Amino acid sequence: MNPSSWRTYLVTQASLSGDRSTPEIVRAAIDGGVDAVQLREKDSSARSRYELGHELREVTVAAGVDLIVNDRIDIAQAIDADGVHVGQSDLPVAVARDLLGPDAIVGCSTSTVAEAREAEAEGADYLGVGAVYGTSSKDVDDDKDGIGPERIAAIADAVSIPVVGIGGITADNAGPVVEAGAAGVAVVSEITAAPDPRAATEALAAAVETSKAIDHGGGDE
């Protein structure tokens, strides 16, 4: 699937899943219509992420959902993931592209127009832009936390690749992010910590689609 078609994107974090496993959360999100899953689990060992990645790969392939690995290009290669997502302190986008080849999906976290333009120039396929409303799931510099839909709009206008908003996004506040130009939204706790991850995914997807219909006058893209 092309990142421009992503509407809902789940970033895994086992510490928020309660007594449920990450594969359980992912299966529920897939049942709810999620378009992409990112294996993050930064607190886990490389071996644990590799083993979890293999399990998630089987699930996502069967469902036709893209699996992206956060940061670890080697794990992405080892489990034959669809791609990798790198941050500003990880290996550069251009290196990820060289290692994974032209067919892989390479995403990059950005918070400013300058970072976004650089990532696009280096060959990124999509941008994860945030933290839109602030985040509690990772450490983020104050100047990159709570950047708002306005920054989404500025970045979407500055690049030609899809933008995915992330950071504090819920079904209730996803609309302004999409209306600002994001192709879709990425979440951690909104799905992972939800009592019913499938229903939470469905609600998020519905919010995105409703906003896209409004933004495009009710017609198709």
N, C-alpha and C. Protein backbone atom coordinates (compact mmCIF):
# COMPACT_ATOMS: atom_id res chain seq x y z
N MET A 1 0.84 -1.19 0.00
CA MET A 1 0.00 0.00 0.00
C MET A 1 0.89 1.25 0.00
N ASN A 2 0.48 2.23 -0.75
CA ASN A 2 1.21 3.49 -0.78
C ASN A 2 0.88 4.31 0.46
N PRO A 3 1.88 4.95 1.10
CA PRO A 3 1.60 5.75 2.29
C PRO A 3 0.52 6.82 2.10
N SER A 4 0.32 7.25 0.87
CA SER A 4 -0.72 8.25 0.63
C SER A 4 -2.11 7.67 0.90
N SER A 5 -2.20 6.33 0.94
CA SER A 5 -3.48 5.68 1.20
C SER A 5 -3.69 5.37 2.68
N TRP A 6 -2.66 5.58 3.49
CA TRP A 6 -2.79 5.31 4.92
C TRP A 6 -3.73 6.33 5.56
N ARG A 7 -4.66 5.85 6.33
CA ARG A 7 -5.55 6.70 7.11
C ARG A 7 -5.27 6.55 8.61
N THR A 8 -5.12 5.31 9.04
CA THR A 8 -4.81 5.04 10.45
C THR A 8 -3.54 4.20 10.53
N TYR A 9 -2.68 4.57 11.45
CA TYR A 9 -1.33 4.00 11.56
C TYR A 9 -1.08 3.75 13.05
N LEU A 10 -0.88 2.50 13.41
CA LEU A 10 -0.64 2.12 14.81
C LEU A 10 0.84 1.99 15.08
N VAL A 11 1.31 2.66 16.13
CA VAL A 11 2.68 2.51 16.60
C VAL A 11 2.63 1.69 17.90
N THR A 12 3.31 0.56 17.92
CA THR A 12 3.17 -0.35 19.06
C THR A 12 3.95 0.13 20.29
N GLN A 13 3.39 -0.18 21.44
CA GLN A 13 4.07 0.08 22.71
C GLN A 13 3.45 -0.83 23.77
N ALA A 14 4.15 -1.93 24.06
CA ALA A 14 3.60 -2.95 24.96
C ALA A 14 3.28 -2.42 26.34
N SER A 15 4.02 -1.40 26.80
CA SER A 15 3.82 -0.89 28.15
C SER A 15 2.45 -0.26 28.35
N LEU A 16 1.75 0.04 27.26
CA LEU A 16 0.42 0.65 27.34
C LEU A 16 -0.72 -0.32 27.10
N SER A 17 -0.37 -1.59 26.85
CA SER A 17 -1.39 -2.55 26.42
C SER A 17 -2.06 -3.32 27.55
N GLY A 18 -1.68 -3.03 28.80
CA GLY A 18 -2.28 -3.73 29.92
C GLY A 18 -1.88 -5.19 29.94
N ASP A 19 -2.85 -6.07 30.09
CA ASP A 19 -2.55 -7.50 30.14
C ASP A 19 -2.65 -8.16 28.77
N ARG A 20 -2.71 -7.34 27.73
CA ARG A 20 -2.82 -7.87 26.37
C ARG A 20 -1.46 -7.81 25.68
N SER A 21 -1.21 -8.76 24.80
CA SER A 21 0.07 -8.78 24.07
C SER A 21 0.01 -7.82 22.89
N THR A 22 1.18 -7.44 22.40
CA THR A 22 1.23 -6.59 21.21
C THR A 22 0.55 -7.26 20.01
N PRO A 23 0.80 -8.55 19.74
CA PRO A 23 0.07 -9.18 18.63
C PRO A 23 -1.45 -9.12 18.80
N GLU A 24 -1.95 -9.23 20.02
CA GLU A 24 -3.39 -9.12 20.25
C GLU A 24 -3.88 -7.73 19.87
N ILE A 25 -3.15 -6.71 20.28
CA ILE A 25 -3.52 -5.33 19.94
C ILE A 25 -3.50 -5.13 18.43
N VAL A 26 -2.46 -5.64 17.78
CA VAL A 26 -2.33 -5.47 16.33
C VAL A 26 -3.46 -6.18 15.60
N ARG A 27 -3.79 -7.38 16.02
CA ARG A 27 -4.89 -8.11 15.36
C ARG A 27 -6.20 -7.36 15.51
N ALA A 28 -6.43 -6.81 16.70
CA ALA A 28 -7.66 -6.06 16.93
C ALA A 28 -7.69 -4.79 16.06
N ALA A 29 -6.55 -4.12 15.96
CA ALA A 29 -6.47 -2.92 15.12
C ALA A 29 -6.70 -3.27 13.65
N ILE A 30 -6.15 -4.39 13.22
CA ILE A 30 -6.36 -4.82 11.83
C ILE A 30 -7.85 -5.11 11.60
N ASP A 31 -8.48 -5.77 12.55
CA ASP A 31 -9.91 -6.02 12.44
C ASP A 31 -10.70 -4.71 12.37
N GLY A 32 -10.15 -3.66 12.99
CA GLY A 32 -10.80 -2.36 12.98
C GLY A 32 -10.47 -1.52 11.76
N GLY A 33 -9.59 -2.04 10.88
CA GLY A 33 -9.31 -1.35 9.62
C GLY A 33 -8.03 -0.54 9.57
N VAL A 34 -7.08 -0.81 10.48
CA VAL A 34 -5.82 -0.05 10.45
C VAL A 34 -5.07 -0.30 9.14
N ASP A 35 -4.37 0.70 8.65
CA ASP A 35 -3.68 0.60 7.35
C ASP A 35 -2.20 0.27 7.47
N ALA A 36 -1.58 0.64 8.58
CA ALA A 36 -0.15 0.41 8.75
C ALA A 36 0.16 0.21 10.23
N VAL A 37 1.18 -0.60 10.49
CA VAL A 37 1.62 -0.87 11.86
C VAL A 37 3.12 -0.62 11.93
N GLN A 38 3.54 0.12 12.94
CA GLN A 38 4.97 0.33 13.16
C GLN A 38 5.40 -0.42 14.41
N LEU A 39 6.37 -1.29 14.25
CA LEU A 39 6.97 -2.00 15.38
C LEU A 39 7.98 -1.06 16.02
N ARG A 40 7.66 -0.58 17.23
CA ARG A 40 8.58 0.31 17.91
C ARG A 40 9.25 -0.42 19.07
N GLU A 41 8.57 -0.54 20.20
CA GLU A 41 9.07 -1.31 21.34
C GLU A 41 10.55 -1.01 21.64
N LYS A 42 10.88 0.27 21.78
CA LYS A 42 12.29 0.65 21.96
C LYS A 42 12.90 0.14 23.25
N ASP A 43 12.06 -0.22 24.23
CA ASP A 43 12.58 -0.72 25.49
C ASP A 43 12.90 -2.21 25.45
N SER A 44 12.58 -2.86 24.35
CA SER A 44 12.84 -4.29 24.22
C SER A 44 14.20 -4.54 23.59
N SER A 45 14.75 -5.71 23.81
CA SER A 45 16.02 -6.09 23.19
C SER A 45 15.84 -6.30 21.70
N ALA A 46 16.94 -6.28 20.98
CA ALA A 46 16.89 -6.52 19.53
C ALA A 46 16.32 -7.90 19.24
N ARG A 47 16.70 -8.89 20.06
CA ARG A 47 16.18 -10.24 19.85
C ARG A 47 14.67 -10.28 20.05
N SER A 48 14.19 -9.62 21.09
CA SER A 48 12.75 -9.61 21.35
C SER A 48 11.99 -8.92 20.22
N ARG A 49 12.54 -7.80 19.74
CA ARG A 49 11.88 -7.10 18.63
C ARG A 49 11.89 -7.92 17.35
N TYR A 50 12.98 -8.62 17.14
CA TYR A 50 13.07 -9.50 15.97
C TYR A 50 12.00 -10.59 16.03
N GLU A 51 11.88 -11.24 17.18
CA GLU A 51 10.90 -12.32 17.32
C GLU A 51 9.48 -11.80 17.22
N LEU A 52 9.22 -10.66 17.86
CA LEU A 52 7.90 -10.05 17.76
C LEU A 52 7.63 -9.62 16.33
N GLY A 53 8.65 -9.08 15.69
CA GLY A 53 8.49 -8.65 14.30
C GLY A 53 8.10 -9.78 13.37
N HIS A 54 8.70 -10.96 13.57
CA HIS A 54 8.34 -12.13 12.76
C HIS A 54 6.86 -12.47 12.94
N GLU A 55 6.41 -12.42 14.18
CA GLU A 55 5.00 -12.74 14.44
C GLU A 55 4.08 -11.70 13.81
N LEU A 56 4.43 -10.43 13.96
CA LEU A 56 3.61 -9.37 13.38
C LEU A 56 3.64 -9.42 11.86
N ARG A 57 4.77 -9.83 11.29
CA ARG A 57 4.87 -9.89 9.83
C ARG A 57 3.88 -10.90 9.26
N GLU A 58 3.74 -12.03 9.91
CA GLU A 58 2.78 -13.03 9.44
C GLU A 58 1.36 -12.47 9.47
N VAL A 59 1.06 -11.75 10.55
CA VAL A 59 -0.28 -11.18 10.71
C VAL A 59 -0.55 -10.09 9.68
N THR A 60 0.41 -9.21 9.48
CA THR A 60 0.19 -8.08 8.57
C THR A 60 0.17 -8.52 7.10
N VAL A 61 1.01 -9.48 6.74
CA VAL A 61 1.01 -9.98 5.36
C VAL A 61 -0.35 -10.58 5.03
N ALA A 62 -0.87 -11.39 5.95
CA ALA A 62 -2.16 -12.04 5.72
C ALA A 62 -3.28 -11.02 5.56
N ALA A 63 -3.13 -9.87 6.23
CA ALA A 63 -4.18 -8.85 6.19
C ALA A 63 -3.95 -7.79 5.13
N GLY A 64 -2.79 -7.80 4.47
CA GLY A 64 -2.48 -6.77 3.49
C GLY A 64 -2.22 -5.42 4.11
N VAL A 65 -1.67 -5.43 5.33
CA VAL A 65 -1.35 -4.20 6.06
C VAL A 65 0.16 -4.00 6.08
N ASP A 66 0.61 -2.77 5.87
CA ASP A 66 2.04 -2.49 5.86
C ASP A 66 2.64 -2.58 7.25
N LEU A 67 3.83 -3.20 7.35
CA LEU A 67 4.57 -3.28 8.60
C LEU A 67 5.86 -2.49 8.46
N ILE A 68 6.02 -1.51 9.33
CA ILE A 68 7.18 -0.63 9.33
C ILE A 68 7.94 -0.86 10.64
N VAL A 69 9.26 -0.86 10.59
CA VAL A 69 10.07 -1.03 11.79
C VAL A 69 10.68 0.31 12.17
N ASN A 70 10.55 0.68 13.42
CA ASN A 70 11.13 1.92 13.89
C ASN A 70 12.64 1.79 14.05
N ASP A 71 13.37 2.66 13.39
CA ASP A 71 14.81 2.83 13.61
C ASP A 71 15.68 1.69 13.08
N ARG A 72 15.38 0.45 13.46
CA ARG A 72 16.29 -0.66 13.22
C ARG A 72 16.17 -1.21 11.80
N ILE A 73 17.06 -0.73 10.93
CA ILE A 73 17.08 -1.17 9.54
C ILE A 73 17.41 -2.66 9.46
N ASP A 74 18.29 -3.12 10.36
CA ASP A 74 18.67 -4.54 10.34
C ASP A 74 17.49 -5.44 10.65
N ILE A 75 16.65 -5.03 11.61
CA ILE A 75 15.48 -5.84 11.94
C ILE A 75 14.47 -5.80 10.79
N ALA A 76 14.32 -4.64 10.17
CA ALA A 76 13.42 -4.53 9.02
C ALA A 76 13.85 -5.50 7.92
N GLN A 77 15.15 -5.57 7.68
CA GLN A 77 15.66 -6.50 6.67
C GLN A 77 15.44 -7.94 7.09
N ALA A 78 15.70 -8.24 8.36
CA ALA A 78 15.64 -9.61 8.85
C ALA A 78 14.23 -10.19 8.80
N ILE A 79 13.21 -9.36 9.02
CA ILE A 79 11.84 -9.87 9.02
C ILE A 79 11.11 -9.57 7.72
N ASP A 80 11.83 -8.99 6.75
CA ASP A 80 11.25 -8.64 5.46
C ASP A 80 10.05 -7.70 5.62
N ALA A 81 10.25 -6.69 6.46
CA ALA A 81 9.20 -5.69 6.67
C ALA A 81 9.03 -4.85 5.41
N ASP A 82 7.93 -4.11 5.37
CA ASP A 82 7.69 -3.25 4.21
C ASP A 82 8.58 -2.03 4.20
N GLY A 83 9.11 -1.67 5.38
CA GLY A 83 9.97 -0.50 5.41
C GLY A 83 10.43 -0.16 6.81
N VAL A 84 10.96 1.04 6.94
CA VAL A 84 11.55 1.49 8.19
C VAL A 84 11.17 2.94 8.43
N HIS A 85 11.14 3.33 9.70
CA HIS A 85 10.88 4.72 10.05
C HIS A 85 12.03 5.23 10.89
N VAL A 86 12.64 6.32 10.48
CA VAL A 86 13.80 6.86 11.20
C VAL A 86 13.47 8.24 11.76
N GLY A 87 14.16 8.57 12.86
CA GLY A 87 14.00 9.88 13.47
C GLY A 87 15.20 10.76 13.17
N GLN A 88 15.18 11.94 13.74
CA GLN A 88 16.25 12.90 13.49
C GLN A 88 17.58 12.47 14.08
N SER A 89 17.56 11.57 15.07
CA SER A 89 18.81 11.10 15.67
C SER A 89 19.20 9.70 15.20
N ASP A 90 18.44 9.15 14.27
CA ASP A 90 18.74 7.82 13.73
C ASP A 90 19.60 7.95 12.48
N LEU A 91 19.87 6.82 11.81
CA LEU A 91 20.59 6.87 10.54
C LEU A 91 19.81 7.73 9.55
N PRO A 92 20.49 8.46 8.68
CA PRO A 92 19.81 9.32 7.72
C PRO A 92 18.90 8.54 6.76
N VAL A 93 17.90 9.24 6.25
CA VAL A 93 16.99 8.66 5.28
C VAL A 93 17.75 8.08 4.09
N ALA A 94 18.74 8.80 3.60
CA ALA A 94 19.49 8.35 2.42
C ALA A 94 20.20 7.02 2.68
N VAL A 95 20.70 6.83 3.89
CA VAL A 95 21.37 5.57 4.25
C VAL A 95 20.35 4.44 4.30
N ALA A 96 19.19 4.71 4.92
CA ALA A 96 18.13 3.70 4.97
C ALA A 96 17.72 3.29 3.56
N ARG A 97 17.60 4.27 2.69
CA ARG A 97 17.21 3.97 1.30
C ARG A 97 18.27 3.12 0.61
N ASP A 98 19.54 3.46 0.79
CA ASP A 98 20.62 2.69 0.17
C ASP A 98 20.62 1.24 0.65
N LEU A 99 20.36 1.06 1.95
CA LEU A 99 20.41 -0.28 2.53
C LEU A 99 19.19 -1.13 2.18
N LEU A 100 18.03 -0.49 2.12
CA LEU A 100 16.79 -1.24 1.91
C LEU A 100 16.35 -1.31 0.45
N GLY A 101 16.87 -0.42 -0.37
CA GLY A 101 16.53 -0.47 -1.79
C GLY A 101 15.34 0.40 -2.16
N PRO A 102 15.09 0.51 -3.45
CA PRO A 102 14.08 1.44 -3.95
C PRO A 102 12.63 1.07 -3.64
N ASP A 103 12.39 -0.21 -3.37
CA ASP A 103 11.01 -0.65 -3.16
C ASP A 103 10.54 -0.53 -1.72
N ALA A 104 11.46 -0.34 -0.80
CA ALA A 104 11.09 -0.22 0.61
C ALA A 104 10.42 1.11 0.89
N ILE A 105 9.57 1.12 1.91
CA ILE A 105 8.96 2.36 2.38
C ILE A 105 9.88 2.94 3.45
N VAL A 106 10.29 4.18 3.26
CA VAL A 106 11.15 4.85 4.24
C VAL A 106 10.43 6.10 4.74
N GLY A 107 10.17 6.11 6.04
CA GLY A 107 9.53 7.26 6.65
C GLY A 107 10.48 7.99 7.57
N CYS A 108 10.17 9.24 7.87
CA CYS A 108 11.05 10.04 8.72
C CYS A 108 10.23 10.95 9.64
N SER A 109 10.63 11.01 10.90
CA SER A 109 9.98 11.91 11.85
C SER A 109 10.50 13.33 11.65
N THR A 110 9.59 14.27 11.52
CA THR A 110 9.97 15.67 11.36
C THR A 110 9.03 16.55 12.17
N SER A 111 9.52 17.72 12.53
CA SER A 111 8.69 18.67 13.27
C SER A 111 8.73 20.07 12.67
N THR A 112 9.64 20.28 11.71
CA THR A 112 9.79 21.60 11.09
C THR A 112 9.78 21.47 9.57
N VAL A 113 9.54 22.58 8.91
CA VAL A 113 9.55 22.59 7.45
C VAL A 113 10.93 22.23 6.92
N ALA A 114 11.96 22.73 7.57
CA ALA A 114 13.33 22.45 7.12
C ALA A 114 13.64 20.95 7.20
N GLU A 115 13.27 20.31 8.31
CA GLU A 115 13.48 18.87 8.45
C GLU A 115 12.69 18.10 7.39
N ALA A 116 11.48 18.55 7.15
CA ALA A 116 10.62 17.87 6.18
C ALA A 116 11.20 17.95 4.77
N ARG A 117 11.66 19.11 4.39
CA ARG A 117 12.24 19.27 3.05
C ARG A 117 13.51 18.43 2.89
N GLU A 118 14.31 18.38 3.95
CA GLU A 118 15.53 17.59 3.90
C GLU A 118 15.21 16.10 3.76
N ALA A 119 14.23 15.63 4.53
CA ALA A 119 13.85 14.21 4.46
C ALA A 119 13.33 13.85 3.08
N GLU A 120 12.53 14.73 2.50
CA GLU A 120 12.01 14.47 1.15
C GLU A 120 13.16 14.43 0.14
N ALA A 121 14.09 15.36 0.26
CA ALA A 121 15.22 15.42 -0.67
C ALA A 121 16.09 14.17 -0.57
N GLU A 122 16.15 13.57 0.61
CA GLU A 122 16.97 12.37 0.80
C GLU A 122 16.25 11.09 0.38
N GLY A 123 14.98 11.20 0.03
CA GLY A 123 14.27 10.04 -0.50
C GLY A 123 13.21 9.44 0.38
N ALA A 124 12.74 10.17 1.40
CA ALA A 124 11.66 9.65 2.25
C ALA A 124 10.38 9.50 1.44
N ASP A 125 9.61 8.47 1.79
CA ASP A 125 8.32 8.22 1.13
C ASP A 125 7.17 8.89 1.85
N TYR A 126 7.34 9.12 3.15
CA TYR A 126 6.32 9.82 3.92
C TYR A 126 6.98 10.44 5.15
N LEU A 127 6.26 11.35 5.79
CA LEU A 127 6.75 12.02 6.99
C LEU A 127 5.81 11.77 8.15
N GLY A 128 6.38 11.46 9.31
CA GLY A 128 5.60 11.43 10.55
C GLY A 128 5.82 12.78 11.23
N VAL A 129 4.79 13.59 11.30
CA VAL A 129 4.94 14.97 11.78
C VAL A 129 4.27 15.14 13.14
N GLY A 130 5.02 15.64 14.10
CA GLY A 130 4.48 15.84 15.43
C GLY A 130 5.57 16.32 16.38
N ALA A 131 5.24 16.37 17.64
CA ALA A 131 4.00 15.87 18.22
C ALA A 131 2.90 16.94 18.09
N VAL A 132 1.80 16.55 17.43
CA VAL A 132 0.78 17.54 17.08
C VAL A 132 0.14 18.15 18.32
N TYR A 133 -0.37 17.30 19.20
CA TYR A 133 -1.04 17.80 20.40
C TYR A 133 -0.25 17.52 21.68
N GLY A 134 1.00 17.14 21.53
CA GLY A 134 1.79 16.75 22.69
C GLY A 134 1.75 15.24 22.83
N THR A 135 2.76 14.68 23.48
CA THR A 135 2.84 13.23 23.61
C THR A 135 3.38 12.84 24.98
N SER A 136 2.90 11.71 25.47
CA SER A 136 3.42 11.15 26.72
C SER A 136 4.10 9.82 26.47
N SER A 137 4.13 9.38 25.20
CA SER A 137 4.66 8.05 24.90
C SER A 137 6.16 8.06 24.58
N LYS A 138 6.75 9.26 24.45
CA LYS A 138 8.18 9.34 24.19
C LYS A 138 8.68 10.71 24.61
N ASP A 139 9.99 10.81 24.78
CA ASP A 139 10.59 12.10 25.14
C ASP A 139 10.71 12.98 23.90
N VAL A 140 10.16 14.17 23.97
CA VAL A 140 10.18 15.11 22.85
C VAL A 140 10.61 16.47 23.38
N ASP A 141 11.48 17.15 22.65
CA ASP A 141 11.90 18.50 23.03
C ASP A 141 10.69 19.42 23.09
N ASP A 142 10.72 20.38 24.00
CA ASP A 142 9.59 21.29 24.18
C ASP A 142 9.19 22.00 22.89
N ASP A 143 10.18 22.35 22.07
CA ASP A 143 9.87 23.10 20.85
C ASP A 143 9.30 22.21 19.74
N LYS A 144 9.24 20.90 20.01
CA LYS A 144 8.67 19.98 19.02
C LYS A 144 7.43 19.27 19.58
N ASP A 145 6.96 19.71 20.74
CA ASP A 145 5.82 19.09 21.38
C ASP A 145 4.62 20.03 21.31
N GLY A 146 3.52 19.52 20.79
CA GLY A 146 2.33 20.35 20.66
C GLY A 146 2.45 21.38 19.56
N ILE A 147 2.92 20.94 18.38
CA ILE A 147 3.15 21.87 17.28
C ILE A 147 1.86 22.31 16.60
N GLY A 148 0.79 21.55 16.78
CA GLY A 148 -0.52 21.94 16.28
C GLY A 148 -0.75 21.67 14.81
N PRO A 149 -2.03 21.66 14.40
CA PRO A 149 -2.38 21.46 12.99
C PRO A 149 -1.75 22.50 12.07
N GLU A 150 -1.44 23.67 12.62
CA GLU A 150 -0.85 24.73 11.78
C GLU A 150 0.49 24.28 11.20
N ARG A 151 1.28 23.59 11.99
CA ARG A 151 2.57 23.09 11.49
C ARG A 151 2.36 21.96 10.48
N ILE A 152 1.33 21.16 10.71
CA ILE A 152 0.98 20.12 9.72
C ILE A 152 0.71 20.79 8.37
N ALA A 153 -0.05 21.86 8.39
CA ALA A 153 -0.39 22.57 7.16
C ALA A 153 0.85 23.14 6.49
N ALA A 154 1.73 23.73 7.27
CA ALA A 154 2.95 24.32 6.71
C ALA A 154 3.83 23.26 6.07
N ILE A 155 3.96 22.12 6.72
CA ILE A 155 4.81 21.04 6.18
C ILE A 155 4.15 20.40 4.98
N ALA A 156 2.85 20.16 5.05
CA ALA A 156 2.14 19.56 3.91
C ALA A 156 2.24 20.44 2.67
N ASP A 157 2.24 21.74 2.88
CA ASP A 157 2.38 22.68 1.75
C ASP A 157 3.80 22.70 1.19
N ALA A 158 4.78 22.33 2.04
CA ALA A 158 6.18 22.46 1.65
C ALA A 158 6.74 21.22 0.95
N VAL A 159 6.04 20.09 1.06
CA VAL A 159 6.54 18.84 0.47
C VAL A 159 5.47 18.21 -0.41
N SER A 160 5.89 17.25 -1.21
CA SER A 160 4.94 16.57 -2.09
C SER A 160 4.68 15.13 -1.66
N ILE A 161 5.32 14.68 -0.58
CA ILE A 161 5.10 13.33 -0.08
C ILE A 161 4.06 13.36 1.05
N PRO A 162 3.42 12.22 1.33
CA PRO A 162 2.36 12.20 2.34
C PRO A 162 2.87 12.55 3.74
N VAL A 163 2.01 13.22 4.48
CA VAL A 163 2.28 13.59 5.86
C VAL A 163 1.32 12.80 6.76
N VAL A 164 1.87 12.21 7.80
CA VAL A 164 1.06 11.50 8.80
C VAL A 164 1.24 12.23 10.13
N GLY A 165 0.16 12.73 10.70
CA GLY A 165 0.25 13.43 11.97
C GLY A 165 0.35 12.45 13.12
N ILE A 166 1.12 12.78 14.15
CA ILE A 166 1.28 11.92 15.31
C ILE A 166 1.46 12.78 16.57
N GLY A 167 1.01 12.26 17.69
CA GLY A 167 1.23 12.94 18.96
C GLY A 167 -0.05 13.43 19.60
N GLY A 168 -0.59 12.68 20.55
CA GLY A 168 -1.78 13.10 21.26
C GLY A 168 -3.06 13.07 20.44
N ILE A 169 -3.05 12.34 19.33
CA ILE A 169 -4.21 12.34 18.43
C ILE A 169 -5.24 11.30 18.89
N THR A 170 -6.50 11.72 18.87
CA THR A 170 -7.62 10.86 19.22
C THR A 170 -8.69 10.97 18.13
N ALA A 171 -9.73 10.15 18.26
CA ALA A 171 -10.83 10.25 17.31
C ALA A 171 -11.49 11.62 17.39
N ASP A 172 -11.43 12.25 18.56
CA ASP A 172 -12.08 13.55 18.75
C ASP A 172 -11.31 14.73 18.17
N ASN A 173 -9.97 14.58 18.04
CA ASN A 173 -9.19 15.73 17.54
C ASN A 173 -8.44 15.44 16.25
N ALA A 174 -8.71 14.29 15.63
CA ALA A 174 -8.02 13.94 14.38
C ALA A 174 -8.45 14.83 13.22
N GLY A 175 -9.69 15.31 13.27
CA GLY A 175 -10.23 16.08 12.16
C GLY A 175 -9.38 17.25 11.71
N PRO A 176 -8.99 18.16 12.61
CA PRO A 176 -8.19 19.30 12.20
C PRO A 176 -6.83 18.91 11.60
N VAL A 177 -6.30 17.77 12.01
CA VAL A 177 -5.01 17.31 11.48
C VAL A 177 -5.16 16.92 10.01
N VAL A 178 -6.23 16.21 9.71
CA VAL A 178 -6.50 15.79 8.34
C VAL A 178 -6.87 16.99 7.48
N GLU A 179 -7.70 17.87 8.03
CA GLU A 179 -8.10 19.06 7.28
C GLU A 179 -6.92 19.97 6.99
N ALA A 180 -5.88 19.87 7.82
CA ALA A 180 -4.67 20.68 7.60
C ALA A 180 -3.78 20.11 6.49
N GLY A 181 -4.09 18.90 6.04
CA GLY A 181 -3.33 18.34 4.92
C GLY A 181 -2.70 16.99 5.16
N ALA A 182 -2.89 16.41 6.35
CA ALA A 182 -2.32 15.08 6.62
C ALA A 182 -3.08 14.01 5.86
N ALA A 183 -2.35 13.03 5.33
CA ALA A 183 -2.98 11.90 4.66
C ALA A 183 -3.70 11.02 5.67
N GLY A 184 -3.12 10.94 6.88
CA GLY A 184 -3.69 10.12 7.93
C GLY A 184 -3.08 10.47 9.26
N VAL A 185 -3.38 9.65 10.27
CA VAL A 185 -2.88 9.90 11.61
C VAL A 185 -2.28 8.64 12.21
N ALA A 186 -1.24 8.82 12.99
CA ALA A 186 -0.60 7.71 13.71
C ALA A 186 -0.85 7.88 15.19
N VAL A 187 -1.12 6.77 15.86
CA VAL A 187 -1.42 6.82 17.29
C VAL A 187 -0.74 5.69 18.02
N VAL A 188 -0.56 5.89 19.31
CA VAL A 188 -0.05 4.84 20.19
C VAL A 188 -1.17 4.49 21.18
N SER A 189 -1.35 5.34 22.18
CA SER A 189 -2.29 5.02 23.26
C SER A 189 -3.75 5.00 22.84
N GLU A 190 -4.13 5.78 21.84
CA GLU A 190 -5.53 5.83 21.43
C GLU A 190 -6.07 4.45 21.07
N ILE A 191 -5.23 3.61 20.49
CA ILE A 191 -5.62 2.24 20.18
C ILE A 191 -5.10 1.27 21.24
N THR A 192 -3.82 1.37 21.57
CA THR A 192 -3.18 0.38 22.44
C THR A 192 -3.76 0.35 23.84
N ALA A 193 -4.08 1.52 24.39
CA ALA A 193 -4.60 1.58 25.76
C ALA A 193 -6.12 1.53 25.82
N ALA A 194 -6.77 1.46 24.67
CA ALA A 194 -8.24 1.46 24.64
C ALA A 194 -8.80 0.15 25.19
N PRO A 195 -9.94 0.21 25.89
CA PRO A 195 -10.57 -1.02 26.35
C PRO A 195 -10.91 -1.96 25.20
N ASP A 196 -11.28 -1.37 24.04
CA ASP A 196 -11.61 -2.14 22.85
C ASP A 196 -10.81 -1.57 21.68
N PRO A 197 -9.61 -2.11 21.43
CA PRO A 197 -8.76 -1.56 20.37
C PRO A 197 -9.40 -1.58 18.98
N ARG A 198 -10.20 -2.60 18.71
CA ARG A 198 -10.87 -2.65 17.41
C ARG A 198 -11.84 -1.47 17.26
N ALA A 199 -12.67 -1.26 18.27
CA ALA A 199 -13.63 -0.16 18.21
C ALA A 199 -12.91 1.19 18.15
N ALA A 200 -11.80 1.30 18.87
CA ALA A 200 -11.04 2.55 18.85
C ALA A 200 -10.47 2.82 17.47
N THR A 201 -10.00 1.77 16.79
CA THR A 201 -9.48 1.91 15.43
C THR A 201 -10.59 2.33 14.47
N GLU A 202 -11.75 1.70 14.62
CA GLU A 202 -12.88 2.04 13.76
C GLU A 202 -13.30 3.49 13.95
N ALA A 203 -13.32 3.94 15.19
CA ALA A 203 -13.71 5.34 15.46
C ALA A 203 -12.70 6.32 14.88
N LEU A 204 -11.42 5.98 15.01
CA LEU A 204 -10.38 6.85 14.47
C LEU A 204 -10.46 6.90 12.94
N ALA A 205 -10.63 5.74 12.32
CA ALA A 205 -10.74 5.69 10.86
C ALA A 205 -11.95 6.48 10.37
N ALA A 206 -13.06 6.37 11.09
CA ALA A 206 -14.26 7.09 10.71
C ALA A 206 -14.04 8.61 10.81
N ALA A 207 -13.32 9.03 11.86
CA ALA A 207 -13.05 10.46 12.02
C ALA A 207 -12.19 10.99 10.88
N VAL A 208 -11.20 10.20 10.48
CA VAL A 208 -10.33 10.60 9.37
C VAL A 208 -11.12 10.69 8.08
N GLU A 209 -11.91 9.67 7.80
CA GLU A 209 -12.68 9.65 6.55
C GLU A 209 -13.69 10.79 6.51
N THR A 210 -14.32 11.08 7.62
CA THR A 210 -15.29 12.18 7.68
C THR A 210 -14.61 13.51 7.36
N SER A 211 -13.42 13.71 7.93
CA SER A 211 -12.69 14.95 7.69
C SER A 211 -12.20 15.05 6.26
N LYS A 212 -11.83 13.92 5.68
CA LYS A 212 -11.41 13.93 4.27
C LYS A 212 -12.58 14.27 3.37
N ALA A 213 -13.75 13.75 3.69
CA ALA A 213 -14.93 14.06 2.89
C ALA A 213 -15.28 15.54 2.97
N ILE A 214 -15.14 16.11 4.16
CA ILE A 214 -15.39 17.55 4.33
C ILE A 214 -14.36 18.37 3.56
N ASP A 215 -13.08 17.94 3.70
CA ASP A 215 -11.99 18.69 3.09
C ASP A 215 -12.06 18.67 1.58
N HIS A 216 -12.63 17.59 1.03
CA HIS A 216 -12.71 17.47 -0.43
C HIS A 216 -14.13 17.67 -0.94
N GLY A 217 -14.92 18.32 -0.15
CA GLY A 217 -16.27 18.64 -0.60
C GLY A 217 -17.17 17.45 -0.76
N GLY A 218 -16.83 16.35 -0.05
CA GLY A 218 -17.68 15.17 -0.09
C GLY A 218 -17.35 14.23 -1.22
N GLY A 219 -16.38 14.57 -2.08
CA GLY A 219 -16.03 13.73 -3.21
C GLY A 219 -14.80 12.91 -2.94
N ASP A 220 -14.42 12.08 -3.90
CA ASP A 220 -13.22 11.28 -3.79
C ASP A 220 -12.00 12.14 -4.05
N GLU A 221 -10.82 11.61 -3.52
CA GLU A 221 -9.59 12.34 -3.78
C GLU A 221 -9.20 12.22 -5.24
